[in-house]
Amino acid sequence: LVQLYLSGHEHDLQHLESSGVTYIISGGGSQVSTQTPLDKQQRFLKWGKLTHGFTANIIQSTDEMHVHFVDQTGEALHKAVIPKMQRAAVSGGGEIFRRKW
């Protein structure tokens, strides 16, 4: 089960969530897109900005990951908090993963 996707190349910064999966797009390093629509009407978009910038992935504890979006000057723009998936035993010897809420 995948909990987090990290990617780049969109020429912007985005935090999206869908079906329990978090998507972090950090692609504002060299060029900013003028074509990508980033508005709150996008169903899965939690935050987005057309700007130069990057993300710093910092594990704060064993229970969650904090992903900080910053611009080219280092100014904080947004923080995504991603809870750790918890393993749970399943009858028959397998295991499943659940988000800890």
C-alpha atoms as a PDB file:
ATOM      1  CA  LEU A   1       0.000   0.000   0.000  1.00  0.00           C
ATOM      2  CA  VAL A   2       1.386   3.390  -1.006  1.00  0.00           C
ATOM      3  CA  GLN A   3       0.895   6.284   1.387  1.00  0.00           C
ATOM      4  CA  LEU A   4       3.016   9.028  -0.175  1.00  0.00           C
ATOM      5  CA  TYR A   5       4.175  10.023  -3.666  1.00  0.00           C
ATOM      6  CA  LEU A   6       6.954  12.584  -4.090  1.00  0.00           C
ATOM      7  CA  SER A   7       7.532  14.052  -7.544  1.00  0.00           C
ATOM      8  CA  GLY A   8       8.679  17.104  -9.441  1.00  0.00           C
ATOM      9  CA  HIS A   9       8.715  18.613 -12.936  1.00  0.00           C
ATOM     10  CA  GLU A  10       5.328  20.402 -12.823  1.00  0.00           C
ATOM     11  CA  HIS A  11       7.106  23.782 -12.450  1.00  0.00           C
ATOM     12  CA  ASP A  12       5.079  24.623  -9.348  1.00  0.00           C
ATOM     13  CA  LEU A  13       4.463  23.443  -5.774  1.00  0.00           C
ATOM     14  CA  GLN A  14       1.460  21.241  -4.895  1.00  0.00           C
ATOM     15  CA  HIS A  15       0.027  19.248  -1.982  1.00  0.00           C
ATOM     16  CA  LEU A  16      -2.780  16.887  -3.018  1.00  0.00           C
ATOM     17  CA  GLU A  17      -4.669  14.106  -1.223  1.00  0.00           C
ATOM     18  CA  SER A  18      -6.888  11.368  -2.643  1.00  0.00           C
ATOM     19  CA  SER A  19      -8.133   8.082  -1.168  1.00  0.00           C
ATOM     20  CA  GLY A  20      -5.692   8.200   1.747  1.00  0.00           C
ATOM     21  CA  VAL A  21      -2.649   8.917  -0.449  1.00  0.00           C
ATOM     22  CA  THR A  22      -0.693  12.189  -0.199  1.00  0.00           C
ATOM     23  CA  TYR A  23       0.942  13.623  -3.325  1.00  0.00           C
ATOM     24  CA  ILE A  24       3.759  16.168  -2.943  1.00  0.00           C
ATOM     25  CA  ILE A  25       4.915  17.929  -6.120  1.00  0.00           C
ATOM     26  CA  SER A  26       8.065  19.984  -5.784  1.00  0.00           C
ATOM     27  CA  GLY A  27       8.900  21.291  -9.217  1.00  0.00           C
ATOM     28  CA  GLY A  28       9.439  25.030  -8.812  1.00  0.00           C
ATOM     29  CA  GLY A  29      13.220  24.961  -8.783  1.00  0.00           C
ATOM     30  CA  SER A  30      14.217  26.376 -12.159  1.00  0.00           C
ATOM     31  CA  GLN A  31      11.126  27.570 -13.980  1.00  0.00           C
ATOM     32  CA  VAL A  32       7.589  28.518 -12.905  1.00  0.00           C
ATOM     33  CA  SER A  33       4.695  27.317 -15.032  1.00  0.00           C
ATOM     34  CA  THR A  34       2.253  29.801 -16.486  1.00  0.00           C
ATOM     35  CA  GLN A  35       0.069  27.009 -17.895  1.00  0.00           C
ATOM     36  CA  THR A  36      -0.783  24.910 -14.818  1.00  0.00           C
ATOM     37  CA  PRO A  37      -4.117  25.876 -13.254  1.00  0.00           C
ATOM     38  CA  LEU A  38      -3.874  25.878  -9.455  1.00  0.00           C
ATOM     39  CA  ASP A  39      -7.164  26.821  -7.882  1.00  0.00           C
ATOM     40  CA  LYS A  40      -9.317  25.488  -5.071  1.00  0.00           C
ATOM     41  CA  GLN A  41     -11.755  24.006  -7.597  1.00  0.00           C
ATOM     42  CA  GLN A  42      -9.366  21.100  -8.196  1.00  0.00           C
ATOM     43  CA  ARG A  43     -10.875  18.260  -6.198  1.00  0.00           C
ATOM     44  CA  PHE A  44      -7.715  16.852  -4.613  1.00  0.00           C
ATOM     45  CA  LEU A  45      -5.673  20.030  -4.253  1.00  0.00           C
ATOM     46  CA  LYS A  46      -5.033  20.934  -0.610  1.00  0.00           C
ATOM     47  CA  TRP A  47      -2.556  23.687  -1.471  1.00  0.00           C
ATOM     48  CA  GLY A  48      -0.645  24.897  -4.500  1.00  0.00           C
ATOM     49  CA  LYS A  49       1.388  27.860  -5.662  1.00  0.00           C
ATOM     50  CA  LEU A  50       2.985  28.976  -8.923  1.00  0.00           C
ATOM     51  CA  THR A  51       6.336  30.054  -7.530  1.00  0.00           C
ATOM     52  CA  HIS A  52       9.995  29.154  -7.362  1.00  0.00           C
ATOM     53  CA  GLY A  53      10.586  26.928  -4.351  1.00  0.00           C
ATOM     54  CA  PHE A  54      11.134  23.455  -2.985  1.00  0.00           C
ATOM     55  CA  THR A  55      10.176  21.092  -0.151  1.00  0.00           C
ATOM     56  CA  ALA A  56      12.099  19.997   2.915  1.00  0.00           C
ATOM     57  CA  ASN A  57      10.984  16.597   4.206  1.00  0.00           C
ATOM     58  CA  ILE A  58      11.419  16.387   7.947  1.00  0.00           C
ATOM     59  CA  ILE A  59      10.365  13.441  10.097  1.00  0.00           C
ATOM     60  CA  GLN A  60       9.233  15.019  13.359  1.00  0.00           C
ATOM     61  CA  SER A  61       8.334  11.835  15.219  1.00  0.00           C
ATOM     62  CA  THR A  62       7.652   8.153  14.706  1.00  0.00           C
ATOM     63  CA  ASP A  63       3.948   8.966  14.164  1.00  0.00           C
ATOM     64  CA  GLU A  64       4.038  11.535  11.358  1.00  0.00           C
ATOM     65  CA  MET A  65       6.050  13.268   8.650  1.00  0.00           C
ATOM     66  CA  HIS A  66       6.059  17.022   8.130  1.00  0.00           C
ATOM     67  CA  VAL A  67       6.711  18.287   4.597  1.00  0.00           C
ATOM     68  CA  HIS A  68       7.515  22.000   4.460  1.00  0.00           C
ATOM     69  CA  PHE A  69       7.145  24.000   1.247  1.00  0.00           C
ATOM     70  CA  VAL A  70       9.450  27.027   1.052  1.00  0.00           C
ATOM     71  CA  ASP A  71      10.116  29.649  -1.612  1.00  0.00           C
ATOM     72  CA  GLN A  72      13.483  30.570  -3.100  1.00  0.00           C
ATOM     73  CA  THR A  73      14.235  32.928  -0.186  1.00  0.00           C
ATOM     74  CA  GLY A  74      13.531  30.201   2.396  1.00  0.00           C
ATOM     75  CA  GLU A  75      10.177  31.666   3.480  1.00  0.00           C
ATOM     76  CA  ALA A  76       7.726  29.023   4.696  1.00  0.00           C
ATOM     77  CA  LEU A  77       4.677  28.746   2.424  1.00  0.00           C
ATOM     78  CA  HIS A  78       2.809  25.616   3.550  1.00  0.00           C
ATOM     79  CA  LYS A  79       3.194  22.528   5.728  1.00  0.00           C
ATOM     80  CA  ALA A  80       1.680  19.098   5.025  1.00  0.00           C
ATOM     81  CA  VAL A  81       1.426  16.698   7.976  1.00  0.00           C
ATOM     82  CA  ILE A  82       1.273  13.055   6.946  1.00  0.00           C
ATOM     83  CA  PRO A  83       0.375  10.525   9.660  1.00  0.00           C
ATOM     84  CA  LYS A  84       2.224   7.206   9.662  1.00  0.00           C
ATOM     85  CA  MET A  85       0.307   4.149   8.463  1.00  0.00           C
ATOM     86  CA  GLN A  86      -0.162   1.583  11.204  1.00  0.00           C
ATOM     87  CA  ARG A  87       0.146  -2.167  10.612  1.00  0.00           C
ATOM     88  CA  ALA A  88      -2.687  -4.334  11.847  1.00  0.00           C
ATOM     89  CA  ALA A  89      -2.755  -8.124  11.967  1.00  0.00           C
ATOM     90  CA  VAL A  90      -5.357  -9.893   9.830  1.00  0.00           C
ATOM     91  CA  SER A  91      -6.770 -13.327  10.565  1.00  0.00           C
ATOM     92  CA  GLY A  92      -4.989 -15.798   8.324  1.00  0.00           C
ATOM     93  CA  GLY A  93      -1.518 -14.446   8.995  1.00  0.00           C
ATOM     94  CA  GLY A  94      -1.427 -11.349   6.779  1.00  0.00           C
ATOM     95  CA  GLU A  95      -1.348  -7.711   7.714  1.00  0.00           C
ATOM     96  CA  ILE A  96      -3.022  -4.534   6.549  1.00  0.00           C
ATOM     97  CA  PHE A  97      -2.070  -0.917   6.988  1.00  0.00           C
ATOM     98  CA  ARG A  98      -4.289   1.702   8.567  1.00  0.00           C
ATOM     99  CA  ARG A  99      -3.804   5.396   8.958  1.00  0.00           C
ATOM    100  CA  LYS A 100      -3.488   6.422  12.570  1.00  0.00           C
ATOM    101  CA  TRP A 101      -5.939   9.261  13.128  1.00  0.00           C
END
